[in-house]
Amino acid sequence: MLVQDADRALELIGRSIRVAGYQNQDSFLQDGKKNSSDAEFLKIQKSVGFRGSDSLLVKHQLSRGVDLDCIGNVLTAERTKQNLAIQGFLVERQASAPKGQRVNGGSLICQSLDRQGRLQKITLMSGINYLAIEELDARVFKIKLEMTDGAFIQREFERTFTTRNLL
């Protein structure tokens, strides 16, 4: 079960990294330059989450096809801010665990905009001990995810993803 959850989480994070910075053809200026800098499209914050986990925030424009957020909702123009969709990933302490009680890892949280353009947080899965995001170069990112069953199993998963739209 841990392997399946890790695969799902890593695929969702990887899909967001790959789409980071996407701008549809209408957004290019007449001279062929992008309207925004790459730095605003993908932001990593180090040691801000549960047990020092990193967080990731990705922005991109909508394509002419069907775009989905990290929980499978269809992205529409009302689910953007300044014409950009937002997807974020972070690990927080399990909300259901009372303070002082031993927790079985944290919860992987997905952030996206709702229909009113407000940032919403949805729990994707629990049992996450740690999320690390390492920028290997300007376009390549290594994601490490440490998961637990809360009792005996503790396992680390790792994948590398490349952006398609950032220089």
Protein backbone atom coordinates (compact mmCIF):
# COMPACT_ATOMS: atom_id res chain seq x y z
CA MET A 1 0.00 0.00 0.00
CA LEU A 2 2.88 2.38 0.77
CA VAL A 3 4.33 1.81 -2.69
CA GLN A 4 1.02 2.59 -4.39
CA ASP A 5 0.52 5.75 -2.32
CA ALA A 6 4.09 6.88 -2.99
CA ASP A 7 3.69 6.28 -6.73
CA ARG A 8 0.49 8.31 -6.76
CA ALA A 9 1.98 11.19 -4.76
CA LEU A 10 5.17 11.31 -6.82
CA GLU A 11 3.23 11.21 -10.09
CA LEU A 12 1.01 14.13 -8.99
CA ILE A 13 4.03 16.18 -7.91
CA GLY A 14 5.88 15.27 -11.11
CA ARG A 15 2.92 16.22 -13.29
CA SER A 16 2.86 19.65 -11.62
CA ILE A 17 6.60 20.13 -12.12
CA ARG A 18 6.32 19.19 -15.79
CA VAL A 19 3.55 21.76 -16.41
CA ALA A 20 5.19 24.57 -14.37
CA GLY A 21 5.47 27.75 -16.39
CA TYR A 22 3.22 26.64 -19.23
CA GLN A 23 1.95 29.66 -21.15
CA ASN A 24 -0.52 29.30 -23.98
CA GLN A 25 0.20 30.92 -27.32
CA ASP A 26 -2.03 33.91 -26.60
CA SER A 27 0.24 34.99 -23.73
CA PHE A 28 3.39 35.50 -25.80
CA LEU A 29 4.25 39.07 -26.68
CA GLN A 30 4.61 39.99 -30.33
CA ASP A 31 8.40 39.66 -30.12
CA GLY A 32 8.06 36.06 -28.91
CA LYS A 33 9.02 36.61 -25.26
CA LYS A 34 7.18 35.23 -22.28
CA ASN A 35 5.12 37.61 -20.16
CA SER A 36 6.54 36.38 -16.84
CA SER A 37 9.83 35.20 -15.42
CA ASP A 38 10.45 31.50 -14.74
CA ALA A 39 11.11 32.24 -11.05
CA GLU A 40 7.44 32.99 -10.33
CA PHE A 41 6.24 29.70 -11.86
CA LEU A 42 7.98 27.23 -9.53
CA LYS A 43 8.78 28.01 -5.91
CA ILE A 44 10.41 25.67 -3.39
CA GLN A 45 10.40 26.50 0.31
CA LYS A 46 12.86 24.54 2.40
CA SER A 47 12.08 23.15 5.88
CA VAL A 48 8.63 24.74 6.28
CA GLY A 49 6.44 21.69 6.87
CA PHE A 50 6.03 18.69 9.15
CA ARG A 51 9.42 17.47 10.44
CA GLY A 52 11.25 20.01 8.27
CA SER A 53 9.60 18.98 5.00
CA ASP A 54 9.90 21.20 1.94
CA SER A 55 6.97 22.64 0.02
CA LEU A 56 6.40 23.22 -3.68
CA LEU A 57 4.21 25.81 -5.38
CA VAL A 58 3.68 25.64 -9.14
CA LYS A 59 1.91 28.13 -11.42
CA HIS A 60 0.87 27.73 -15.04
CA GLN A 61 -1.65 28.98 -17.54
CA LEU A 62 -4.50 26.84 -18.78
CA SER A 63 -4.15 24.96 -22.04
CA ARG A 64 -6.84 24.78 -24.71
CA GLY A 65 -7.59 21.22 -23.55
CA VAL A 66 -8.71 19.89 -20.18
CA ASP A 67 -6.41 20.77 -17.27
CA LEU A 68 -6.69 19.09 -13.87
CA ASP A 69 -5.42 20.17 -10.49
CA CYS A 70 -3.64 17.85 -8.05
CA ILE A 71 -6.90 16.31 -6.80
CA GLY A 72 -8.50 15.83 -10.21
CA ASN A 73 -10.72 18.92 -10.38
CA VAL A 74 -11.06 20.48 -13.83
CA LEU A 75 -9.28 23.82 -13.95
CA THR A 76 -11.29 26.69 -15.41
CA ALA A 77 -10.69 30.43 -15.79
CA GLU A 78 -12.45 31.15 -12.47
CA ARG A 79 -10.01 28.78 -10.74
CA THR A 80 -7.03 31.01 -11.65
CA LYS A 81 -5.44 34.18 -10.29
CA GLN A 82 -4.03 36.63 -12.81
CA ASN A 83 -4.64 33.98 -15.47
CA LEU A 84 -2.48 31.41 -13.60
CA ALA A 85 -3.55 28.11 -12.06
CA ILE A 86 -1.82 27.24 -8.79
CA GLN A 87 -0.91 23.81 -7.45
CA GLY A 88 1.01 23.27 -4.25
CA PHE A 89 2.29 20.38 -2.19
CA LEU A 90 3.33 20.38 1.47
CA VAL A 91 3.34 18.08 4.48
CA GLU A 92 1.44 19.12 7.61
CA ARG A 93 0.82 17.44 10.93
CA GLN A 94 -2.20 15.14 10.70
CA ALA A 95 -5.22 17.29 11.45
CA SER A 96 -7.15 14.41 13.00
CA ALA A 97 -4.47 13.63 15.62
CA PRO A 98 -4.99 15.30 19.02
CA LYS A 99 -2.08 17.32 20.36
CA GLY A 100 0.37 15.23 22.33
CA GLN A 101 -0.71 11.97 20.68
CA ARG A 102 1.87 10.09 18.66
CA VAL A 103 1.17 10.51 14.95
CA ASN A 104 1.86 8.11 12.12
CA GLY A 105 3.56 10.68 9.94
CA GLY A 106 2.06 13.81 8.53
CA SER A 107 -0.43 14.44 5.77
CA LEU A 108 0.47 15.33 2.19
CA ILE A 109 -1.58 18.39 1.34
CA CYS A 110 -2.58 19.53 -2.14
CA GLN A 111 -3.24 23.23 -2.67
CA SER A 112 -5.24 24.64 -5.56
CA LEU A 113 -7.67 27.47 -6.21
CA ASP A 114 -11.39 27.02 -5.74
CA ARG A 115 -14.05 28.56 -8.02
CA GLN A 116 -13.84 31.84 -6.10
CA GLY A 117 -10.05 32.01 -6.62
CA ARG A 118 -9.26 31.19 -2.96
CA LEU A 119 -6.45 28.80 -2.07
CA GLN A 120 -7.87 25.53 -0.72
CA LYS A 121 -6.03 22.72 1.02
CA ILE A 122 -7.03 19.08 0.56
CA THR A 123 -5.39 16.08 2.21
CA LEU A 124 -4.11 13.64 -0.41
CA MET A 125 -2.79 10.98 1.97
CA SER A 126 -1.42 10.37 5.46
CA GLY A 127 1.65 8.50 6.62
CA ILE A 128 4.17 10.98 5.20
CA ASN A 129 7.24 11.48 7.39
CA TYR A 130 9.15 13.81 5.13
CA LEU A 131 9.10 15.50 1.71
CA ALA A 132 12.35 16.84 0.24
CA ILE A 133 12.63 18.78 -3.01
CA GLU A 134 16.08 19.35 -4.45
CA GLU A 135 16.76 21.50 -7.50
CA LEU A 136 19.51 19.71 -9.42
CA ASP A 137 19.67 22.42 -12.09
CA ALA A 138 17.30 25.03 -13.51
CA ARG A 139 14.95 22.41 -14.96
CA VAL A 140 15.60 19.17 -13.02
CA PHE A 141 14.16 18.41 -9.58
CA LYS A 142 14.67 15.41 -7.30
CA ILE A 143 11.72 14.55 -5.05
CA LYS A 144 12.21 12.36 -1.97
CA LEU A 145 9.23 11.08 -0.05
CA GLU A 146 9.59 9.18 3.21
CA MET A 147 6.51 7.22 4.20
CA THR A 148 5.48 5.10 7.18
CA ASP A 149 2.72 2.76 8.20
CA GLY A 150 3.09 4.16 11.71
CA ALA A 151 4.34 0.92 13.18
CA PHE A 152 7.09 -1.06 11.51
CA ILE A 153 7.59 0.10 7.95
CA GLN A 154 9.43 3.24 7.03
CA ARG A 155 10.44 3.59 3.41
CA GLU A 156 11.94 6.31 1.21
CA PHE A 157 10.93 6.84 -2.41
CA GLU A 158 12.73 9.07 -4.88
CA ARG A 159 12.14 10.30 -8.43
CA THR A 160 13.58 12.96 -10.68
CA PHE A 161 11.42 15.20 -12.86
CA THR A 162 12.17 17.77 -15.55
CA THR A 163 10.13 20.85 -16.35
CA ARG A 164 8.96 21.21 -19.93
CA ASN A 165 8.32 24.96 -20.01
CA LEU A 166 11.03 26.65 -17.96
CA LEU A 167 14.40 27.60 -19.40
